[in-house]
PDB file of N, CA and C in Angstrom:
ATOM      1  N   UNK A   1      26.868 145.466  52.845  1.00  0.00           N
ATOM      2  CA  UNK A   1      25.578 144.931  52.416  1.00  0.00           C
ATOM      3  C   UNK A   1      24.594 145.904  53.093  1.00  0.00           C
ATOM      4  N   UNK A   2      23.940 146.609  52.106  1.00  0.00           N
ATOM      5  CA  UNK A   2      22.656 147.578  52.928  1.00  0.00           C
ATOM      6  C   UNK A   2      21.921 146.563  53.674  1.00  0.00           C
ATOM      7  N   UNK A   3      21.408 147.087  54.953  1.00  0.00           N
ATOM      8  CA  UNK A   3      20.450 146.389  55.577  1.00  0.00           C
ATOM      9  C   UNK A   3      19.054 146.604  54.897  1.00  0.00           C
ATOM     10  N   UNK A   4      18.135 145.424  54.701  1.00  0.00           N
ATOM     11  CA  UNK A   4      17.037 145.719  54.299  1.00  0.00           C
ATOM     12  C   UNK A   4      16.470 145.670  52.866  1.00  0.00           C
ATOM     13  N   UNK A   5      17.282 145.108  51.881  1.00  0.00           N
ATOM     14  CA  UNK A   5      17.263 145.039  50.706  1.00  0.00           C
ATOM     15  C   UNK A   5      17.754 143.726  50.184  1.00  0.00           C
ATOM     16  N   UNK A   6      18.299 143.080  50.851  1.00  0.00           N
ATOM     17  CA  UNK A   6      18.559 141.734  50.545  1.00  0.00           C
ATOM     18  C   UNK A   6      17.823 140.612  51.264  1.00  0.00           C
ATOM     19  N   UNK A   7      17.627 139.235  50.452  1.00  0.00           N
ATOM     20  CA  UNK A   7      16.538 138.608  51.047  1.00  0.00           C
ATOM     21  C   UNK A   7      17.420 137.844  52.080  1.00  0.00           C
ATOM     22  N   UNK A   8      16.815 137.354  52.912  1.00  0.00           N
ATOM     23  CA  UNK A   8      17.033 136.908  54.263  1.00  0.00           C
ATOM     24  C   UNK A   8      17.815 135.528  53.570  1.00  0.00           C
ATOM     25  N   UNK A   9      18.938 134.878  54.016  1.00  0.00           N
ATOM     26  CA  UNK A   9      19.816 133.969  53.763  1.00  0.00           C
ATOM     27  C   UNK A   9      19.853 133.265  55.182  1.00  0.00           C
ATOM     28  N   UNK A  10      19.454 131.991  55.061  1.00  0.00           N
ATOM     29  CA  UNK A  10      19.494 130.875  55.918  1.00  0.00           C
ATOM     30  C   UNK A  10      19.310 129.444  55.466  1.00  0.00           C
ATOM     31  N   UNK A  11      19.575 128.775  56.436  1.00  0.00           N
ATOM     32  CA  UNK A  11      19.479 127.368  56.199  1.00  0.00           C
ATOM     33  C   UNK A  11      18.127 126.876  55.642  1.00  0.00           C
ATOM     34  N   UNK A  12      18.423 125.684  54.557  1.00  0.00           N
ATOM     35  CA  UNK A  12      17.388 124.979  53.376  1.00  0.00           C
ATOM     36  C   UNK A  12      17.673 124.377  53.324  1.00  0.00           C
ATOM     37  N   UNK A  13      16.824 123.061  53.346  1.00  0.00           N
ATOM     38  CA  UNK A  13      17.242 121.524  52.811  1.00  0.00           C
ATOM     39  C   UNK A  13      16.535 121.671  51.301  1.00  0.00           C
ATOM     40  N   UNK A  14      17.516 121.330  50.445  1.00  0.00           N
ATOM     41  CA  UNK A  14      17.251 120.771  49.139  1.00  0.00           C
ATOM     42  C   UNK A  14      16.996 119.036  48.805  1.00  0.00           C
ATOM     43  N   UNK A  15      15.731 118.605  48.476  1.00  0.00           N
ATOM     44  CA  UNK A  15      15.713 117.296  48.272  1.00  0.00           C
ATOM     45  C   UNK A  15      15.358 117.024  47.075  1.00  0.00           C
ATOM     46  N   UNK A  16      16.189 115.920  46.669  1.00  0.00           N
ATOM     47  CA  UNK A  16      16.014 115.014  45.162  1.00  0.00           C
ATOM     48  C   UNK A  16      15.262 114.051  45.711  1.00  0.00           C
ATOM     49  N   UNK A  17      13.814 113.810  45.111  1.00  0.00           N
ATOM     50  CA  UNK A  17      13.298 112.485  45.492  1.00  0.00           C
ATOM     51  C   UNK A  17      13.559 111.359  44.673  1.00  0.00           C
ATOM     52  N   UNK A  18      13.808 111.634  43.473  1.00  0.00           N
ATOM     53  CA  UNK A  18      14.348 110.375  42.595  1.00  0.00           C
ATOM     54  C   UNK A  18      15.202 109.726  43.217  1.00  0.00           C
ATOM     55  N   UNK A  19      15.961 110.478  43.929  1.00  0.00           N
ATOM     56  CA  UNK A  19      17.455 109.753  44.668  1.00  0.00           C
ATOM     57  C   UNK A  19      17.394 109.390  46.101  1.00  0.00           C
ATOM     58  N   UNK A  20      16.225 109.506  46.694  1.00  0.00           N
ATOM     59  CA  UNK A  20      16.049 109.540  48.080  1.00  0.00           C
ATOM     60  C   UNK A  20      17.419 110.374  48.813  1.00  0.00           C
ATOM     61  N   UNK A  21      17.791 111.564  48.422  1.00  0.00           N
ATOM     62  CA  UNK A  21      19.032 112.251  48.657  1.00  0.00           C
ATOM     63  C   UNK A  21      18.372 113.971  49.195  1.00  0.00           C
ATOM     64  N   UNK A  22      19.055 113.991  50.385  1.00  0.00           N
ATOM     65  CA  UNK A  22      18.585 115.767  50.657  1.00  0.00           C
ATOM     66  C   UNK A  22      20.040 116.191  51.235  1.00  0.00           C
ATOM     67  N   UNK A  23      20.531 117.184  51.024  1.00  0.00           N
ATOM     68  CA  UNK A  23      21.390 117.965  51.799  1.00  0.00           C
ATOM     69  C   UNK A  23      21.061 119.383  52.368  1.00  0.00           C
ATOM     70  N   UNK A  24      21.476 120.002  53.383  1.00  0.00           N
ATOM     71  CA  UNK A  24      21.081 120.924  54.252  1.00  0.00           C
ATOM     72  C   UNK A  24      22.217 122.043  54.144  1.00  0.00           C
ATOM     73  N   UNK A  25      21.809 123.336  53.454  1.00  0.00           N
ATOM     74  CA  UNK A  25      22.681 124.464  53.049  1.00  0.00           C
ATOM     75  C   UNK A  25      22.039 126.176  53.292  1.00  0.00           C
ATOM     76  N   UNK A  26      23.141 126.942  53.123  1.00  0.00           N
ATOM     77  CA  UNK A  26      22.093 128.015  53.382  1.00  0.00           C
ATOM     78  C   UNK A  26      21.667 128.763  52.073  1.00  0.00           C
ATOM     79  N   UNK A  27      20.686 129.364  52.064  1.00  0.00           N
ATOM     80  CA  UNK A  27      20.043 130.071  50.803  1.00  0.00           C
ATOM     81  C   UNK A  27      19.159 130.699  50.862  1.00  0.00           C
ATOM     82  N   UNK A  28      18.733 131.677  49.688  1.00  0.00           N
ATOM     83  CA  UNK A  28      17.998 132.771  49.766  1.00  0.00           C
ATOM     84  C   UNK A  28      16.600 132.300  49.354  1.00  0.00           C
ATOM     85  N   UNK A  29      16.629 131.005  48.818  1.00  0.00           N
ATOM     86  CA  UNK A  29      15.062 130.460  48.099  1.00  0.00           C
ATOM     87  C   UNK A  29      14.283 130.315  49.515  1.00  0.00           C
ATOM     88  N   UNK A  30      13.005 130.477  48.832  1.00  0.00           N
ATOM     89  CA  UNK A  30      12.188 130.179  50.141  1.00  0.00           C
ATOM     90  C   UNK A  30      11.313 128.855  49.697  1.00  0.00           C
ATOM     91  N   UNK A  31      10.500 128.930  50.568  1.00  0.00           N
ATOM     92  CA  UNK A  31       9.449 127.906  50.365  1.00  0.00           C
ATOM     93  C   UNK A  31       8.317 127.581  51.522  1.00  0.00           C
ATOM     94  N   UNK A  32       7.206 126.872  50.995  1.00  0.00           N
ATOM     95  CA  UNK A  32       6.273 126.874  52.254  1.00  0.00           C
ATOM     96  C   UNK A  32       6.241 125.628  53.114  1.00  0.00           C
ATOM     97  N   UNK A  33       6.810 124.622  52.292  1.00  0.00           N
ATOM     98  CA  UNK A  33       6.834 123.040  52.633  1.00  0.00           C
ATOM     99  C   UNK A  33       8.269 123.428  53.635  1.00  0.00           C
ATOM    100  N   UNK A  34       7.982 122.308  54.884  1.00  0.00           N
ATOM    101  CA  UNK A  34       9.282 121.921  55.783  1.00  0.00           C
ATOM    102  C   UNK A  34       9.074 120.803  56.184  1.00  0.00           C
ATOM    103  N   UNK A  35      10.389 120.592  56.364  1.00  0.00           N
ATOM    104  CA  UNK A  35      10.719 118.948  56.780  1.00  0.00           C
ATOM    105  C   UNK A  35      11.825 118.982  58.379  1.00  0.00           C
ATOM    106  N   UNK A  36      11.802 117.803  59.005  1.00  0.00           N
ATOM    107  CA  UNK A  36      12.679 117.880  60.398  1.00  0.00           C
ATOM    108  C   UNK A  36      13.594 117.230  59.662  1.00  0.00           C
ATOM    109  N   UNK A  37      14.975 118.083  60.023  1.00  0.00           N
ATOM    110  CA  UNK A  37      16.154 117.423  59.718  1.00  0.00           C
ATOM    111  C   UNK A  37      16.816 116.469  60.494  1.00  0.00           C
ATOM    112  N   UNK A  38      17.541 116.025  60.359  1.00  0.00           N
ATOM    113  CA  UNK A  38      18.271 115.131  61.422  1.00  0.00           C
ATOM    114  C   UNK A  38      18.420 115.997  62.483  1.00  0.00           C
ATOM    115  N   UNK A  39      19.168 117.051  62.620  1.00  0.00           N
ATOM    116  CA  UNK A  39      19.203 117.446  64.028  1.00  0.00           C
ATOM    117  C   UNK A  39      18.081 117.957  64.600  1.00  0.00           C
ATOM    118  N   UNK A  40      16.988 117.787  64.285  1.00  0.00           N
ATOM    119  CA  UNK A  40      15.815 117.755  65.181  1.00  0.00           C
ATOM    120  C   UNK A  40      15.207 119.363  64.713  1.00  0.00           C
ATOM    121  N   UNK A  41      15.889 120.018  64.033  1.00  0.00           N
ATOM    122  CA  UNK A  41      14.976 121.330  63.900  1.00  0.00           C
ATOM    123  C   UNK A  41      14.675 121.002  62.538  1.00  0.00           C
ATOM    124  N   UNK A  42      13.517 122.337  62.615  1.00  0.00           N
ATOM    125  CA  UNK A  42      12.577 122.185  61.148  1.00  0.00           C
ATOM    126  C   UNK A  42      13.363 123.347  60.522  1.00  0.00           C
ATOM    127  N   UNK A  43      13.452 122.898  58.841  1.00  0.00           N
ATOM    128  CA  UNK A  43      13.985 123.702  58.061  1.00  0.00           C
ATOM    129  C   UNK A  43      12.775 123.949  56.773  1.00  0.00           C
ATOM    130  N   UNK A  44      12.645 124.687  55.984  1.00  0.00           N
ATOM    131  CA  UNK A  44      12.352 124.843  54.861  1.00  0.00           C
ATOM    132  C   UNK A  44      13.058 123.835  53.638  1.00  0.00           C
ATOM    133  N   UNK A  45      12.272 123.154  53.164  1.00  0.00           N
ATOM    134  CA  UNK A  45      12.294 122.181  52.154  1.00  0.00           C
ATOM    135  C   UNK A  45      11.882 122.821  50.465  1.00  0.00           C
ATOM    136  N   UNK A  46      13.144 122.443  49.351  1.00  0.00           N
ATOM    137  CA  UNK A  46      13.089 122.490  48.159  1.00  0.00           C
ATOM    138  C   UNK A  46      13.378 121.463  47.125  1.00  0.00           C
ATOM    139  N   UNK A  47      12.153 121.007  46.637  1.00  0.00           N
ATOM    140  CA  UNK A  47      12.252 119.699  46.012  1.00  0.00           C
ATOM    141  C   UNK A  47      12.997 119.969  44.932  1.00  0.00           C
ATOM    142  N   UNK A  48      13.889 119.523  43.870  1.00  0.00           N
ATOM    143  CA  UNK A  48      14.491 119.139  43.049  1.00  0.00           C
ATOM    144  C   UNK A  48      14.560 118.146  41.746  1.00  0.00           C
ATOM    145  N   UNK A  49      14.319 118.505  40.572  1.00  0.00           N
ATOM    146  CA  UNK A  49      14.207 117.238  39.956  1.00  0.00           C
ATOM    147  C   UNK A  49      15.381 116.275  39.544  1.00  0.00           C
ATOM    148  N   UNK A  50      16.834 117.138  39.725  1.00  0.00           N
ATOM    149  CA  UNK A  50      17.793 116.307  39.751  1.00  0.00           C
ATOM    150  C   UNK A  50      19.161 116.810  40.536  1.00  0.00           C
ATOM    151  N   UNK A  51      19.927 115.973  41.216  1.00  0.00           N
ATOM    152  CA  UNK A  51      21.147 116.627  42.138  1.00  0.00           C
ATOM    153  C   UNK A  51      22.226 115.869  41.725  1.00  0.00           C
ATOM    154  N   UNK A  52      23.371 115.653  42.332  1.00  0.00           N
ATOM    155  CA  UNK A  52      24.757 115.329  42.260  1.00  0.00           C
ATOM    156  C   UNK A  52      24.564 113.809  42.491  1.00  0.00           C
ATOM    157  N   UNK A  53      23.751 113.364  43.233  1.00  0.00           N
ATOM    158  CA  UNK A  53      23.074 111.973  43.628  1.00  0.00           C
ATOM    159  C   UNK A  53      22.101 111.257  42.019  1.00  0.00           C
ATOM    160  N   UNK A  54      21.773 111.869  41.630  1.00  0.00           N
ATOM    161  CA  UNK A  54      20.831 111.561  40.139  1.00  0.00           C
ATOM    162  C   UNK A  54      21.442 111.906  38.873  1.00  0.00           C
ATOM    163  N   UNK A  55      22.240 112.826  38.894  1.00  0.00           N
ATOM    164  CA  UNK A  55      23.020 113.152  37.764  1.00  0.00           C
ATOM    165  C   UNK A  55      23.802 112.461  37.164  1.00  0.00           C
ATOM    166  N   UNK A  56      23.738 112.020  35.775  1.00  0.00           N
ATOM    167  CA  UNK A  56      24.428 110.941  35.201  1.00  0.00           C
ATOM    168  C   UNK A  56      25.931 111.440  35.385  1.00  0.00           C
ATOM    169  N   UNK A  57      26.037 112.581  34.849  1.00  0.00           N
ATOM    170  CA  UNK A  57      27.698 113.006  34.954  1.00  0.00           C
ATOM    171  C   UNK A  57      28.304 112.413  36.236  1.00  0.00           C
ATOM    172  N   UNK A  58      27.844 112.732  37.416  1.00  0.00           N
ATOM    173  CA  UNK A  58      28.347 112.408  38.956  1.00  0.00           C
ATOM    174  C   UNK A  58      27.900 110.860  39.215  1.00  0.00           C
ATOM    175  N   UNK A  59      27.202 110.734  38.413  1.00  0.00           N
ATOM    176  CA  UNK A  59      26.707 109.311  39.097  1.00  0.00           C
ATOM    177  C   UNK A  59      27.522 107.756  37.982  1.00  0.00           C
ATOM    178  N   UNK A  60      27.994 108.311  36.903  1.00  0.00           N
ATOM    179  CA  UNK A  60      28.259 107.405  35.754  1.00  0.00           C
ATOM    180  C   UNK A  60      27.147 106.690  35.180  1.00  0.00           C
ATOM    181  N   UNK A  61      26.209 106.668  35.646  1.00  0.00           N
ATOM    182  CA  UNK A  61      25.106 106.193  34.903  1.00  0.00           C
ATOM    183  C   UNK A  61      24.369 106.672  34.112  1.00  0.00           C
ATOM    184  N   UNK A  62      24.256 106.251  32.875  1.00  0.00           N
ATOM    185  CA  UNK A  62      23.183 106.644  31.731  1.00  0.00           C
ATOM    186  C   UNK A  62      21.805 106.322  31.960  1.00  0.00           C
ATOM    187  N   UNK A  63      20.835 107.297  32.089  1.00  0.00           N
ATOM    188  CA  UNK A  63      19.222 106.616  32.097  1.00  0.00           C
ATOM    189  C   UNK A  63      18.990 106.509  30.921  1.00  0.00           C
ATOM    190  N   UNK A  64      18.124 105.904  30.682  1.00  0.00           N
ATOM    191  CA  UNK A  64      17.703 105.635  29.208  1.00  0.00           C
ATOM    192  C   UNK A  64      16.230 106.195  29.085  1.00  0.00           C
ATOM    193  N   UNK A  65      16.233 106.926  28.205  1.00  0.00           N
ATOM    194  CA  UNK A  65      14.993 107.918  28.018  1.00  0.00           C
ATOM    195  C   UNK A  65      14.216 107.125  26.842  1.00  0.00           C
ATOM    196  N   UNK A  66      12.881 107.545  26.975  1.00  0.00           N
ATOM    197  CA  UNK A  66      12.075 107.123  26.040  1.00  0.00           C
ATOM    198  C   UNK A  66      11.697 107.754  24.692  1.00  0.00           C
ATOM    199  N   UNK A  67      12.999 107.660  23.844  1.00  0.00           N
ATOM    200  CA  UNK A  67      12.840 108.735  23.063  1.00  0.00           C
ATOM    201  C   UNK A  67      11.985 108.366  21.965  1.00  0.00           C
ATOM    202  N   UNK A  68      12.201 106.705  21.450  1.00  0.00           N
ATOM    203  CA  UNK A  68      11.296 105.980  20.630  1.00  0.00           C
ATOM    204  C   UNK A  68       9.697 106.578  20.745  1.00  0.00           C
ATOM    205  N   UNK A  69       9.019 106.540  22.165  1.00  0.00           N
ATOM    206  CA  UNK A  69       7.786 106.634  22.348  1.00  0.00           C
ATOM    207  C   UNK A  69       7.592 108.303  22.015  1.00  0.00           C
ATOM    208  N   UNK A  70       8.633 109.093  22.240  1.00  0.00           N
ATOM    209  CA  UNK A  70       8.344 110.203  21.901  1.00  0.00           C
ATOM    210  C   UNK A  70       8.557 110.641  20.854  1.00  0.00           C
ATOM    211  N   UNK A  71       8.844 110.041  19.676  1.00  0.00           N
ATOM    212  CA  UNK A  71       9.321 110.096  18.431  1.00  0.00           C
ATOM    213  C   UNK A  71       7.722 109.598  18.007  1.00  0.00           C
ATOM    214  N   UNK A  72       7.349 108.382  18.144  1.00  0.00           N
ATOM    215  CA  UNK A  72       6.123 107.850  17.669  1.00  0.00           C
ATOM    216  C   UNK A  72       4.673 108.678  18.049  1.00  0.00           C
ATOM    217  N   UNK A  73       4.798 109.140  18.921  1.00  0.00           N
ATOM    218  CA  UNK A  73       4.037 109.758  19.403  1.00  0.00           C
ATOM    219  C   UNK A  73       3.959 111.072  18.593  1.00  0.00           C
ATOM    220  N   UNK A  74       4.778 111.904  18.402  1.00  0.00           N
ATOM    221  CA  UNK A  74       4.767 113.033  17.525  1.00  0.00           C
ATOM    222  C   UNK A  74       4.675 112.595  15.897  1.00  0.00           C
ATOM    223  N   UNK A  75       5.000 111.390  15.376  1.00  0.00           N
ATOM    224  CA  UNK A  75       4.247 111.341  14.270  1.00  0.00           C
ATOM    225  C   UNK A  75       3.295 110.895  14.468  1.00  0.00           C
ATOM    226  N   UNK A  76       2.531 110.547  15.141  1.00  0.00           N
ATOM    227  CA  UNK A  76       1.082 110.121  15.397  1.00  0.00           C
ATOM    228  C   UNK A  76       0.543 111.644  15.300  1.00  0.00           C
ATOM    229  N   UNK A  77       0.985 112.387  15.983  1.00  0.00           N
ATOM    230  CA  UNK A  77       0.276 113.635  16.119  1.00  0.00           C
ATOM    231  C   UNK A  77       0.138 114.317  14.801  1.00  0.00           C
ATOM    232  N   UNK A  78       1.611 114.638  14.598  1.00  0.00           N
ATOM    233  CA  UNK A  78       1.465 115.375  12.982  1.00  0.00           C
ATOM    234  C   UNK A  78       1.915 114.523  11.874  1.00  0.00           C
ATOM    235  N   UNK A  79       1.805 113.535  11.683  1.00  0.00           N
ATOM    236  CA  UNK A  79       2.003 112.901  10.775  1.00  0.00           C
ATOM    237  C   UNK A  79       3.559 112.453  10.290  1.00  0.00           C
ATOM    238  N   UNK A  80       3.693 111.283   9.531  1.00  0.00           N
ATOM    239  CA  UNK A  80       4.844 111.388   8.956  1.00  0.00           C
ATOM    240  C   UNK A  80       5.340 112.012   7.579  1.00  0.00           C
ATOM    241  N   UNK A  81       6.456 112.475   7.478  1.00  0.00           N
ATOM    242  CA  UNK A  81       6.933 112.710   6.348  1.00  0.00           C
ATOM    243  C   UNK A  81       6.465 114.623   5.801  1.00  0.00           C
ATOM    244  N   UNK A  82       6.031 115.102   6.846  1.00  0.00           N
ATOM    245  CA  UNK A  82       5.701 116.408   6.811  1.00  0.00           C
ATOM    246  C   UNK A  82       7.011 117.419   6.732  1.00  0.00           C
ATOM    247  N   UNK A  83       8.089 116.890   6.697  1.00  0.00           N
ATOM    248  CA  UNK A  83       9.284 117.843   6.840  1.00  0.00           C
ATOM    249  C   UNK A  83       9.681 118.400   5.553  1.00  0.00           C
ATOM    250  N   UNK A  84      10.157 119.648   5.158  1.00  0.00           N
ATOM    251  CA  UNK A  84      10.494 120.357   4.029  1.00  0.00           C
ATOM    252  C   UNK A  84       9.158 121.117   3.597  1.00  0.00           C
ATOM    253  N   UNK A  85       8.211 121.364   4.484  1.00  0.00           N
ATOM    254  CA  UNK A  85       7.214 122.232   3.797  1.00  0.00           C
ATOM    255  C   UNK A  85       7.413 123.340   4.308  1.00  0.00           C
TER     256      UNK A  85
END
């Protein structure tokens, strides 16, 4: 690799707050937030919305989405029966 043109590749903690799960890996991603890891060192932390601990494909659990509420809110906002115009 050419020196000076690539981002730094360093240890980073990725944290899934919805599943209370975090893992330490190497990445070029950056963050201003830091967290103290189990080994006593401080690493940058990146919060993610979904990981293998919370994704239905990996967990086998299906989350219930509030689709009915979304549809009702859409119909209130834009009216019912406006299709085809």
